[in-house]
């Protein structure tokens, strides 16, 4: 760059500013930092944010299949049975206006 005119130097700096490159010449350590900042953040990388399956979609799909009788979820069956037994024993949630606080006022 020593043989370039001042106009050429200014145009080179302007060009590097416009296109997001390093304006002044730097050493390799500084260039490593520049390279680190140029790559996308971890949260934007597809292999990071697509690591786990989409549980909401799978859950909705299994619920629909279970409703149609094509999928057997023993844990959900057990929970339903426990809810049914609690209701039979009278342990279900009270209806609106029949709770402890409502009966206390009467």
PDB file of N, CA and C in Angstrom:
ATOM      1  N   UNK A   1       0.806  -1.195   0.000  1.00  0.00           N
ATOM      2  CA  UNK A   1       0.000   0.000   0.000  1.00  0.00           C
ATOM      3  C   UNK A   1       0.853   1.264   0.000  1.00  0.00           C
ATOM      4  N   UNK A   2       2.167   1.107   0.126  1.00  0.00           N
ATOM      5  CA  UNK A   2       3.038   2.273   0.221  1.00  0.00           C
ATOM      6  C   UNK A   2       3.053   3.062  -1.089  1.00  0.00           C
ATOM      7  N   UNK A   3       2.870   2.389  -2.217  1.00  0.00           N
ATOM      8  CA  UNK A   3       2.935   3.075  -3.495  1.00  0.00           C
ATOM      9  C   UNK A   3       1.607   3.676  -3.930  1.00  0.00           C
ATOM     10  N   UNK A   4       0.549   3.527  -3.165  1.00  0.00           N
ATOM     11  CA  UNK A   4      -0.756   4.044  -3.564  1.00  0.00           C
ATOM     12  C   UNK A   4      -0.896   5.523  -3.225  1.00  0.00           C
ATOM     13  N   UNK A   5      -1.687   6.207  -4.013  1.00  0.00           N
ATOM     14  CA  UNK A   5      -1.921   7.628  -3.755  1.00  0.00           C
ATOM     15  C   UNK A   5      -2.864   7.780  -2.564  1.00  0.00           C
ATOM     16  N   UNK A   6      -2.964   8.982  -2.035  1.00  0.00           N
ATOM     17  CA  UNK A   6      -3.835   9.211  -0.879  1.00  0.00           C
ATOM     18  C   UNK A   6      -5.295   8.969  -1.256  1.00  0.00           C
ATOM     19  N   UNK A   7      -5.658   9.297  -2.502  1.00  0.00           N
ATOM     20  CA  UNK A   7      -7.021   9.054  -2.967  1.00  0.00           C
ATOM     21  C   UNK A   7      -7.321   7.556  -2.984  1.00  0.00           C
ATOM     22  N   UNK A   8      -6.370   6.761  -3.504  1.00  0.00           N
ATOM     23  CA  UNK A   8      -6.555   5.312  -3.571  1.00  0.00           C
ATOM     24  C   UNK A   8      -6.667   4.721  -2.159  1.00  0.00           C
ATOM     25  N   UNK A   9      -5.851   5.228  -1.218  1.00  0.00           N
ATOM     26  CA  UNK A   9      -5.933   4.750   0.176  1.00  0.00           C
ATOM     27  C   UNK A   9      -7.295   5.054   0.776  1.00  0.00           C
ATOM     28  N   UNK A  10      -7.792   6.278   0.564  1.00  0.00           N
ATOM     29  CA  UNK A  10      -9.097   6.662   1.109  1.00  0.00           C
ATOM     30  C   UNK A  10     -10.214   5.830   0.482  1.00  0.00           C
ATOM     31  N   UNK A  11     -10.102   5.559  -0.836  1.00  0.00           N
ATOM     32  CA  UNK A  11     -11.121   4.742  -1.501  1.00  0.00           C
ATOM     33  C   UNK A  11     -11.074   3.300  -0.992  1.00  0.00           C
ATOM     34  N   UNK A  12      -9.864   2.792  -0.721  1.00  0.00           N
ATOM     35  CA  UNK A  12      -9.737   1.427  -0.194  1.00  0.00           C
ATOM     36  C   UNK A  12     -10.358   1.338   1.205  1.00  0.00           C
ATOM     37  N   UNK A  13     -10.096   2.369   2.036  1.00  0.00           N
ATOM     38  CA  UNK A  13     -10.689   2.394   3.378  1.00  0.00           C
ATOM     39  C   UNK A  13     -12.205   2.497   3.297  1.00  0.00           C
ATOM     40  N   UNK A  14     -12.705   3.350   2.425  1.00  0.00           N
ATOM     41  CA  UNK A  14     -14.146   3.510   2.268  1.00  0.00           C
ATOM     42  C   UNK A  14     -14.783   2.207   1.780  1.00  0.00           C
ATOM     43  N   UNK A  15     -14.130   1.564   0.846  1.00  0.00           N
ATOM     44  CA  UNK A  15     -14.640   0.292   0.324  1.00  0.00           C
ATOM     45  C   UNK A  15     -14.707  -0.765   1.426  1.00  0.00           C
ATOM     46  N   UNK A  16     -13.645  -0.837   2.227  1.00  0.00           N
ATOM     47  CA  UNK A  16     -13.653  -1.831   3.299  1.00  0.00           C
ATOM     48  C   UNK A  16     -14.676  -1.499   4.377  1.00  0.00           C
ATOM     49  N   UNK A  17     -14.932  -0.218   4.617  1.00  0.00           N
ATOM     50  CA  UNK A  17     -15.976   0.171   5.572  1.00  0.00           C
ATOM     51  C   UNK A  17     -17.356  -0.209   5.050  1.00  0.00           C
ATOM     52  N   UNK A  18     -17.576   0.034   3.772  1.00  0.00           N
ATOM     53  CA  UNK A  18     -18.883  -0.256   3.175  1.00  0.00           C
ATOM     54  C   UNK A  18     -19.165  -1.753   3.205  1.00  0.00           C
ATOM     55  N   UNK A  19     -18.173  -2.565   2.868  1.00  0.00           N
ATOM     56  CA  UNK A  19     -18.392  -4.012   2.761  1.00  0.00           C
ATOM     57  C   UNK A  19     -18.078  -4.766   4.054  1.00  0.00           C
ATOM     58  N   UNK A  20     -17.871  -4.051   5.149  1.00  0.00           N
ATOM     59  CA  UNK A  20     -17.703  -4.688   6.452  1.00  0.00           C
ATOM     60  C   UNK A  20     -16.382  -5.402   6.649  1.00  0.00           C
ATOM     61  N   UNK A  21     -15.351  -4.956   5.993  1.00  0.00           N
ATOM     62  CA  UNK A  21     -14.031  -5.556   6.165  1.00  0.00           C
ATOM     63  C   UNK A  21     -13.221  -4.709   7.135  1.00  0.00           C
ATOM     64  N   UNK A  22     -12.038  -5.212   7.501  1.00  0.00           N
ATOM     65  CA  UNK A  22     -11.171  -4.477   8.409  1.00  0.00           C
ATOM     66  C   UNK A  22     -10.567  -3.293   7.653  1.00  0.00           C
ATOM     67  N   UNK A  23     -10.697  -2.103   8.254  1.00  0.00           N
ATOM     68  CA  UNK A  23     -10.265  -0.884   7.565  1.00  0.00           C
ATOM     69  C   UNK A  23      -8.748  -0.773   7.545  1.00  0.00           C
ATOM     70  N   UNK A  24      -8.121  -0.890   8.704  1.00  0.00           N
ATOM     71  CA  UNK A  24      -6.666  -0.778   8.802  1.00  0.00           C
ATOM     72  C   UNK A  24      -6.050  -2.167   8.868  1.00  0.00           C
ATOM     73  N   UNK A  25      -4.868  -2.342   8.326  1.00  0.00           N
ATOM     74  CA  UNK A  25      -4.214  -3.657   8.397  1.00  0.00           C
ATOM     75  C   UNK A  25      -3.950  -4.049   9.858  1.00  0.00           C
ATOM     76  N   UNK A  26      -4.250  -5.299  10.215  1.00  0.00           N
ATOM     77  CA  UNK A  26      -4.086  -5.754  11.602  1.00  0.00           C
ATOM     78  C   UNK A  26      -3.307  -7.051  11.620  1.00  0.00           C
ATOM     79  N   UNK A  27      -2.889  -7.451  12.832  1.00  0.00           N
ATOM     80  CA  UNK A  27      -2.127  -8.696  12.963  1.00  0.00           C
ATOM     81  C   UNK A  27      -3.083  -9.894  13.008  1.00  0.00           C
ATOM     82  N   UNK A  28      -2.520 -11.101  13.085  1.00  0.00           N
ATOM     83  CA  UNK A  28      -3.340 -12.308  13.003  1.00  0.00           C
ATOM     84  C   UNK A  28      -4.229 -12.492  14.231  1.00  0.00           C
ATOM     85  N   UNK A  29      -3.771 -12.042  15.419  1.00  0.00           N
ATOM     86  CA  UNK A  29      -4.588 -12.172  16.626  1.00  0.00           C
ATOM     87  C   UNK A  29      -5.863 -11.331  16.499  1.00  0.00           C
ATOM     88  N   UNK A  30      -5.709 -10.125  16.022  1.00  0.00           N
ATOM     89  CA  UNK A  30      -6.877  -9.258  15.849  1.00  0.00           C
ATOM     90  C   UNK A  30      -7.794  -9.795  14.764  1.00  0.00           C
ATOM     91  N   UNK A  31      -7.229 -10.376  13.724  1.00  0.00           N
ATOM     92  CA  UNK A  31      -8.047 -10.936  12.656  1.00  0.00           C
ATOM     93  C   UNK A  31      -8.856 -12.129  13.162  1.00  0.00           C
ATOM     94  N   UNK A  32      -8.308 -12.874  14.124  1.00  0.00           N
ATOM     95  CA  UNK A  32      -9.054 -13.993  14.701  1.00  0.00           C
ATOM     96  C   UNK A  32     -10.315 -13.483  15.399  1.00  0.00           C
ATOM     97  N   UNK A  33     -10.194 -12.380  16.113  1.00  0.00           N
ATOM     98  CA  UNK A  33     -11.353 -11.788  16.782  1.00  0.00           C
ATOM     99  C   UNK A  33     -12.369 -11.312  15.752  1.00  0.00           C
ATOM    100  N   UNK A  34     -11.872 -10.722  14.674  1.00  0.00           N
ATOM    101  CA  UNK A  34     -12.759 -10.247  13.617  1.00  0.00           C
ATOM    102  C   UNK A  34     -13.521 -11.424  13.009  1.00  0.00           C
ATOM    103  N   UNK A  35     -12.817 -12.529  12.773  1.00  0.00           N
ATOM    104  CA  UNK A  35     -13.470 -13.715  12.213  1.00  0.00           C
ATOM    105  C   UNK A  35     -14.524 -14.269  13.157  1.00  0.00           C
ATOM    106  N   UNK A  36     -14.239 -14.252  14.466  1.00  0.00           N
ATOM    107  CA  UNK A  36     -15.213 -14.745  15.446  1.00  0.00           C
ATOM    108  C   UNK A  36     -16.485 -13.903  15.433  1.00  0.00           C
ATOM    109  N   UNK A  37     -16.335 -12.607  15.293  1.00  0.00           N
ATOM    110  CA  UNK A  37     -17.506 -11.736  15.274  1.00  0.00           C
ATOM    111  C   UNK A  37     -18.249 -11.786  13.942  1.00  0.00           C
ATOM    112  N   UNK A  38     -17.585 -12.239  12.885  1.00  0.00           N
ATOM    113  CA  UNK A  38     -18.247 -12.297  11.587  1.00  0.00           C
ATOM    114  C   UNK A  38     -19.172 -13.499  11.459  1.00  0.00           C
ATOM    115  N   UNK A  39     -18.863 -14.607  12.141  1.00  0.00           N
ATOM    116  CA  UNK A  39     -19.736 -15.777  12.007  1.00  0.00           C
ATOM    117  C   UNK A  39     -21.009 -15.584  12.831  1.00  0.00           C
ATOM    118  N   UNK A  40     -22.089 -16.229  12.433  1.00  0.00           N
ATOM    119  CA  UNK A  40     -23.375 -16.010  13.118  1.00  0.00           C
ATOM    120  C   UNK A  40     -23.329 -16.514  14.563  1.00  0.00           C
ATOM    121  N   UNK A  41     -24.132 -15.922  15.442  1.00  0.00           N
ATOM    122  CA  UNK A  41     -24.134 -16.369  16.831  1.00  0.00           C
ATOM    123  C   UNK A  41     -24.669 -17.796  16.961  1.00  0.00           C
ATOM    124  N   UNK A  42     -24.347 -18.435  18.086  1.00  0.00           N
ATOM    125  CA  UNK A  42     -24.734 -19.830  18.288  1.00  0.00           C
ATOM    126  C   UNK A  42     -26.252 -20.009  18.210  1.00  0.00           C
ATOM    127  N   UNK A  43     -27.005 -19.060  18.723  1.00  0.00           N
ATOM    128  CA  UNK A  43     -28.466 -19.188  18.748  1.00  0.00           C
ATOM    129  C   UNK A  43     -29.071 -19.156  17.354  1.00  0.00           C
ATOM    130  N   UNK A  44     -28.346 -18.615  16.379  1.00  0.00           N
ATOM    131  CA  UNK A  44     -28.860 -18.527  15.013  1.00  0.00           C
ATOM    132  C   UNK A  44     -28.465 -19.730  14.154  1.00  0.00           C
ATOM    133  N   UNK A  45     -27.601 -20.606  14.684  1.00  0.00           N
ATOM    134  CA  UNK A  45     -27.164 -21.761  13.895  1.00  0.00           C
ATOM    135  C   UNK A  45     -28.232 -22.847  13.944  1.00  0.00           C
ATOM    136  N   UNK A  46     -28.527 -23.416  12.791  1.00  0.00           N
ATOM    137  CA  UNK A  46     -29.606 -24.406  12.685  1.00  0.00           C
ATOM    138  C   UNK A  46     -29.317 -25.649  13.510  1.00  0.00           C
ATOM    139  N   UNK A  47     -28.078 -26.085  13.549  1.00  0.00           N
ATOM    140  CA  UNK A  47     -27.767 -27.303  14.309  1.00  0.00           C
ATOM    141  C   UNK A  47     -27.933 -27.100  15.812  1.00  0.00           C
ATOM    142  N   UNK A  48     -27.964 -25.851  16.263  1.00  0.00           N
ATOM    143  CA  UNK A  48     -28.167 -25.581  17.685  1.00  0.00           C
ATOM    144  C   UNK A  48     -29.647 -25.479  18.015  1.00  0.00           C
ATOM    145  N   UNK A  49     -30.391 -24.661  17.264  1.00  0.00           N
ATOM    146  CA  UNK A  49     -31.791 -24.463  17.644  1.00  0.00           C
ATOM    147  C   UNK A  49     -32.693 -25.601  17.176  1.00  0.00           C
ATOM    148  N   UNK A  50     -32.225 -26.472  16.307  1.00  0.00           N
ATOM    149  CA  UNK A  50     -33.002 -27.652  15.915  1.00  0.00           C
ATOM    150  C   UNK A  50     -32.495 -28.918  16.592  1.00  0.00           C
ATOM    151  N   UNK A  51     -31.807 -28.781  17.706  1.00  0.00           N
ATOM    152  CA  UNK A  51     -31.212 -29.937  18.373  1.00  0.00           C
ATOM    153  C   UNK A  51     -32.282 -30.855  18.942  1.00  0.00           C
ATOM    154  N   UNK A  52     -33.247 -30.294  19.648  1.00  0.00           N
ATOM    155  CA  UNK A  52     -34.288 -31.103  20.280  1.00  0.00           C
ATOM    156  C   UNK A  52     -35.521 -31.169  19.379  1.00  0.00           C
ATOM    157  N   UNK A  53     -36.281 -32.266  19.467  1.00  0.00           N
ATOM    158  CA  UNK A  53     -37.491 -32.360  18.636  1.00  0.00           C
ATOM    159  C   UNK A  53     -38.545 -31.358  19.091  1.00  0.00           C
ATOM    160  N   UNK A  54     -39.479 -31.074  18.229  1.00  0.00           N
ATOM    161  CA  UNK A  54     -40.527 -30.109  18.545  1.00  0.00           C
ATOM    162  C   UNK A  54     -41.617 -30.829  19.329  1.00  0.00           C
ATOM    163  N   UNK A  55     -41.524 -30.719  20.665  1.00  0.00           N
ATOM    164  CA  UNK A  55     -42.385 -31.497  21.541  1.00  0.00           C
ATOM    165  C   UNK A  55     -43.856 -31.130  21.407  1.00  0.00           C
ATOM    166  N   UNK A  56     -44.151 -29.864  21.182  1.00  0.00           N
ATOM    167  CA  UNK A  56     -45.560 -29.456  21.071  1.00  0.00           C
ATOM    168  C   UNK A  56     -46.239 -30.159  19.901  1.00  0.00           C
ATOM    169  N   UNK A  57     -45.542 -30.246  18.781  1.00  0.00           N
ATOM    170  CA  UNK A  57     -46.109 -30.881  17.596  1.00  0.00           C
ATOM    171  C   UNK A  57     -46.293 -32.373  17.842  1.00  0.00           C
ATOM    172  N   UNK A  58     -45.269 -33.022  18.421  1.00  0.00           N
ATOM    173  CA  UNK A  58     -45.367 -34.455  18.704  1.00  0.00           C
ATOM    174  C   UNK A  58     -46.471 -34.753  19.705  1.00  0.00           C
ATOM    175  N   UNK A  59     -46.608 -33.902  20.716  1.00  0.00           N
ATOM    176  CA  UNK A  59     -47.643 -34.108  21.731  1.00  0.00           C
ATOM    177  C   UNK A  59     -49.031 -33.983  21.108  1.00  0.00           C
ATOM    178  N   UNK A  60     -49.240 -32.945  20.294  1.00  0.00           N
ATOM    179  CA  UNK A  60     -50.537 -32.760  19.642  1.00  0.00           C
ATOM    180  C   UNK A  60     -50.850 -33.930  18.717  1.00  0.00           C
ATOM    181  N   UNK A  61     -49.842 -34.397  17.996  1.00  0.00           N
ATOM    182  CA  UNK A  61     -50.040 -35.523  17.083  1.00  0.00           C
ATOM    183  C   UNK A  61     -50.413 -36.790  17.843  1.00  0.00           C
ATOM    184  N   UNK A  62     -49.714 -37.082  18.940  1.00  0.00           N
ATOM    185  CA  UNK A  62     -50.030 -38.286  19.714  1.00  0.00           C
ATOM    186  C   UNK A  62     -51.392 -38.178  20.372  1.00  0.00           C
ATOM    187  N   UNK A  63     -51.791 -36.968  20.784  1.00  0.00           N
ATOM    188  CA  UNK A  63     -53.126 -36.806  21.372  1.00  0.00           C
ATOM    189  C   UNK A  63     -54.216 -37.090  20.334  1.00  0.00           C
ATOM    190  N   UNK A  64     -54.027 -36.606  19.111  1.00  0.00           N
ATOM    191  CA  UNK A  64     -55.007 -36.867  18.054  1.00  0.00           C
ATOM    192  C   UNK A  64     -55.075 -38.351  17.735  1.00  0.00           C
ATOM    193  N   UNK A  65     -53.900 -38.983  17.623  1.00  0.00           N
ATOM    194  CA  UNK A  65     -53.869 -40.416  17.333  1.00  0.00           C
ATOM    195  C   UNK A  65     -54.492 -41.218  18.475  1.00  0.00           C
ATOM    196  N   UNK A  66     -54.270 -40.768  19.699  1.00  0.00           N
ATOM    197  CA  UNK A  66     -54.848 -41.445  20.858  1.00  0.00           C
ATOM    198  C   UNK A  66     -56.369 -41.310  20.848  1.00  0.00           C
ATOM    199  N   UNK A  67     -56.847 -40.141  20.488  1.00  0.00           N
ATOM    200  CA  UNK A  67     -58.289 -39.914  20.412  1.00  0.00           C
ATOM    201  C   UNK A  67     -58.922 -40.807  19.352  1.00  0.00           C
ATOM    202  N   UNK A  68     -58.214 -41.043  18.231  1.00  0.00           N
ATOM    203  CA  UNK A  68     -58.724 -41.901  17.166  1.00  0.00           C
ATOM    204  C   UNK A  68     -58.560 -43.380  17.479  1.00  0.00           C
ATOM    205  N   UNK A  69     -57.773 -43.678  18.510  1.00  0.00           N
ATOM    206  CA  UNK A  69     -57.560 -45.077  18.875  1.00  0.00           C
ATOM    207  C   UNK A  69     -56.391 -45.724  18.173  1.00  0.00           C
ATOM    208  N   UNK A  70     -55.528 -44.940  17.574  1.00  0.00           N
ATOM    209  CA  UNK A  70     -54.383 -45.487  16.843  1.00  0.00           C
ATOM    210  C   UNK A  70     -53.097 -45.471  17.656  1.00  0.00           C
ATOM    211  N   UNK A  71     -53.128 -44.854  18.815  1.00  0.00           N
ATOM    212  CA  UNK A  71     -51.920 -44.738  19.652  1.00  0.00           C
ATOM    213  C   UNK A  71     -52.306 -45.003  21.103  1.00  0.00           C
ATOM    214  N   UNK A  72     -51.509 -45.776  21.802  1.00  0.00           N
ATOM    215  CA  UNK A  72     -51.787 -46.132  23.191  1.00  0.00           C
ATOM    216  C   UNK A  72     -50.747 -45.475  24.083  1.00  0.00           C
ATOM    217  N   UNK A  73     -51.192 -44.536  24.909  1.00  0.00           N
ATOM    218  CA  UNK A  73     -50.308 -43.868  25.861  1.00  0.00           C
ATOM    219  C   UNK A  73     -50.717 -44.297  27.268  1.00  0.00           C
ATOM    220  N   UNK A  74     -49.960 -45.232  27.828  1.00  0.00           N
ATOM    221  CA  UNK A  74     -50.343 -45.820  29.108  1.00  0.00           C
ATOM    222  C   UNK A  74     -50.307 -44.795  30.238  1.00  0.00           C
ATOM    223  N   UNK A  75     -49.382 -43.869  30.171  1.00  0.00           N
ATOM    224  CA  UNK A  75     -49.298 -42.864  31.232  1.00  0.00           C
ATOM    225  C   UNK A  75     -50.531 -41.952  31.218  1.00  0.00           C
ATOM    226  N   UNK A  76     -50.949 -41.522  30.031  1.00  0.00           N
ATOM    227  CA  UNK A  76     -52.156 -40.695  29.924  1.00  0.00           C
ATOM    228  C   UNK A  76     -53.387 -41.483  30.367  1.00  0.00           C
ATOM    229  N   UNK A  77     -53.443 -42.788  30.008  1.00  0.00           N
ATOM    230  CA  UNK A  77     -54.552 -43.631  30.453  1.00  0.00           C
ATOM    231  C   UNK A  77     -54.586 -43.699  31.977  1.00  0.00           C
ATOM    232  N   UNK A  78     -53.426 -43.865  32.582  1.00  0.00           N
ATOM    233  CA  UNK A  78     -53.341 -43.931  34.041  1.00  0.00           C
ATOM    234  C   UNK A  78     -53.810 -42.623  34.677  1.00  0.00           C
ATOM    235  N   UNK A  79     -53.364 -41.486  34.112  1.00  0.00           N
ATOM    236  CA  UNK A  79     -53.774 -40.188  34.664  1.00  0.00           C
ATOM    237  C   UNK A  79     -55.283 -39.988  34.545  1.00  0.00           C
ATOM    238  N   UNK A  80     -55.847 -40.387  33.403  1.00  0.00           N
ATOM    239  CA  UNK A  80     -57.297 -40.284  33.237  1.00  0.00           C
ATOM    240  C   UNK A  80     -58.037 -41.139  34.252  1.00  0.00           C
ATOM    241  N   UNK A  81     -57.548 -42.350  34.462  1.00  0.00           N
ATOM    242  CA  UNK A  81     -58.177 -43.257  35.424  1.00  0.00           C
ATOM    243  C   UNK A  81     -58.105 -42.682  36.838  1.00  0.00           C
ATOM    244  N   UNK A  82     -56.960 -42.077  37.193  1.00  0.00           N
ATOM    245  CA  UNK A  82     -56.824 -41.467  38.525  1.00  0.00           C
ATOM    246  C   UNK A  82     -57.786 -40.286  38.679  1.00  0.00           C
ATOM    247  N   UNK A  83     -57.942 -39.486  37.623  1.00  0.00           N
ATOM    248  CA  UNK A  83     -58.901 -38.376  37.671  1.00  0.00           C
ATOM    249  C   UNK A  83     -60.319 -38.889  37.850  1.00  0.00           C
ATOM    250  N   UNK A  84     -60.641 -39.975  37.136  1.00  0.00           N
ATOM    251  CA  UNK A  84     -61.990 -40.552  37.234  1.00  0.00           C
ATOM    252  C   UNK A  84     -62.256 -41.079  38.642  1.00  0.00           C
ATOM    253  N   UNK A  85     -61.264 -41.759  39.221  1.00  0.00           N
ATOM    254  CA  UNK A  85     -61.434 -42.302  40.574  1.00  0.00           C
ATOM    255  C   UNK A  85     -61.544 -41.194  41.610  1.00  0.00           C
ATOM    256  N   UNK A  86     -60.773 -40.124  41.441  1.00  0.00           N
ATOM    257  CA  UNK A  86     -60.876 -38.991  42.373  1.00  0.00           C
ATOM    258  C   UNK A  86     -62.268 -38.363  42.311  1.00  0.00           C
ATOM    259  N   UNK A  87     -62.793 -38.255  41.093  1.00  0.00           N
ATOM    260  CA  UNK A  87     -64.121 -37.674  40.923  1.00  0.00           C
ATOM    261  C   UNK A  87     -65.182 -38.553  41.595  1.00  0.00           C
ATOM    262  N   UNK A  88     -65.020 -39.863  41.485  1.00  0.00           N
ATOM    263  CA  UNK A  88     -65.963 -40.782  42.130  1.00  0.00           C
ATOM    264  C   UNK A  88     -65.931 -40.647  43.655  1.00  0.00           C
ATOM    265  N   UNK A  89     -64.753 -40.387  44.187  1.00  0.00           N
ATOM    266  CA  UNK A  89     -64.630 -40.223  45.643  1.00  0.00           C
ATOM    267  C   UNK A  89     -65.024 -38.830  46.102  1.00  0.00           C
ATOM    268  N   UNK A  90     -65.335 -37.931  45.137  1.00  0.00           N
ATOM    269  CA  UNK A  90     -65.725 -36.575  45.493  1.00  0.00           C
ATOM    270  C   UNK A  90     -64.548 -35.646  45.723  1.00  0.00           C
ATOM    271  N   UNK A  91     -63.399 -35.972  45.149  1.00  0.00           N
ATOM    272  CA  UNK A  91     -62.187 -35.168  45.348  1.00  0.00           C
ATOM    273  C   UNK A  91     -61.917 -34.222  44.184  1.00  0.00           C
ATOM    274  N   UNK A  92     -62.842 -34.084  43.268  1.00  0.00           N
ATOM    275  CA  UNK A  92     -62.633 -33.208  42.120  1.00  0.00           C
ATOM    276  C   UNK A  92     -62.683 -31.744  42.514  1.00  0.00           C
ATOM    277  N   UNK A  93     -62.369 -30.891  41.586  1.00  0.00           N
ATOM    278  CA  UNK A  93     -62.406 -29.455  41.862  1.00  0.00           C
ATOM    279  C   UNK A  93     -63.856 -29.003  41.971  1.00  0.00           C
ATOM    280  N   UNK A  94     -64.158 -28.109  42.893  1.00  0.00           N
ATOM    281  CA  UNK A  94     -65.545 -27.656  43.038  1.00  0.00           C
ATOM    282  C   UNK A  94     -65.962 -26.769  41.872  1.00  0.00           C
ATOM    283  N   UNK A  95     -67.266 -26.701  41.645  1.00  0.00           N
ATOM    284  CA  UNK A  95     -67.780 -25.836  40.588  1.00  0.00           C
ATOM    285  C   UNK A  95     -67.676 -24.387  41.037  1.00  0.00           C
ATOM    286  N   UNK A  96     -67.848 -23.495  40.085  1.00  0.00           N
ATOM    287  CA  UNK A  96     -67.748 -22.066  40.379  1.00  0.00           C
ATOM    288  C   UNK A  96     -68.807 -21.681  41.419  1.00  0.00           C
ATOM    289  N   UNK A  97     -68.363 -21.045  42.503  1.00  0.00           N
ATOM    290  CA  UNK A  97     -69.271 -20.612  43.550  1.00  0.00           C
ATOM    291  C   UNK A  97     -69.569 -21.660  44.604  1.00  0.00           C
ATOM    292  N   UNK A  98     -68.882 -22.812  44.548  1.00  0.00           N
ATOM    293  CA  UNK A  98     -69.104 -23.861  45.541  1.00  0.00           C
ATOM    294  C   UNK A  98     -67.840 -24.182  46.336  1.00  0.00           C
ATOM    295  N   UNK A  99     -66.835 -23.323  46.278  1.00  0.00           N
ATOM    296  CA  UNK A  99     -65.582 -23.577  46.978  1.00  0.00           C
ATOM    297  C   UNK A  99     -65.672 -23.253  48.456  1.00  0.00           C
ATOM    298  N   UNK A 100     -64.538 -23.369  49.167  1.00  0.00           N
ATOM    299  CA  UNK A 100     -64.486 -23.103  50.615  1.00  0.00           C
ATOM    300  C   UNK A 100     -64.890 -21.671  50.941  1.00  0.00           C
ATOM    301  N   UNK A 101     -64.390 -20.747  50.158  1.00  0.00           N
ATOM    302  CA  UNK A 101     -64.637 -19.343  50.442  1.00  0.00           C
ATOM    303  C   UNK A 101     -66.109 -18.986  50.244  1.00  0.00           C
ATOM    304  N   UNK A 102     -66.742 -19.585  49.218  1.00  0.00           N
ATOM    305  CA  UNK A 102     -68.153 -19.291  48.952  1.00  0.00           C
ATOM    306  C   UNK A 102     -69.051 -19.874  50.036  1.00  0.00           C
ATOM    307  N   UNK A 103     -68.708 -21.057  50.540  1.00  0.00           N
ATOM    308  CA  UNK A 103     -69.536 -21.677  51.588  1.00  0.00           C
ATOM    309  C   UNK A 103     -69.344 -20.969  52.918  1.00  0.00           C
ATOM    310  N   UNK A 104     -68.220 -20.339  53.130  1.00  0.00           N
ATOM    311  CA  UNK A 104     -67.935 -19.644  54.380  1.00  0.00           C
ATOM    312  C   UNK A 104     -68.828 -18.410  54.540  1.00  0.00           C
ATOM    313  N   UNK A 105     -69.140 -17.723  53.445  1.00  0.00           N
ATOM    314  CA  UNK A 105     -69.931 -16.485  53.499  1.00  0.00           C
ATOM    315  C   UNK A 105     -71.396 -16.737  53.784  1.00  0.00           C
ATOM    316  N   UNK A 106     -71.911 -17.915  53.489  1.00  0.00           N
ATOM    317  CA  UNK A 106     -73.341 -18.192  53.646  1.00  0.00           C
ATOM    318  C   UNK A 106     -73.751 -18.428  55.074  1.00  0.00           C
TER     319      UNK A 106
END
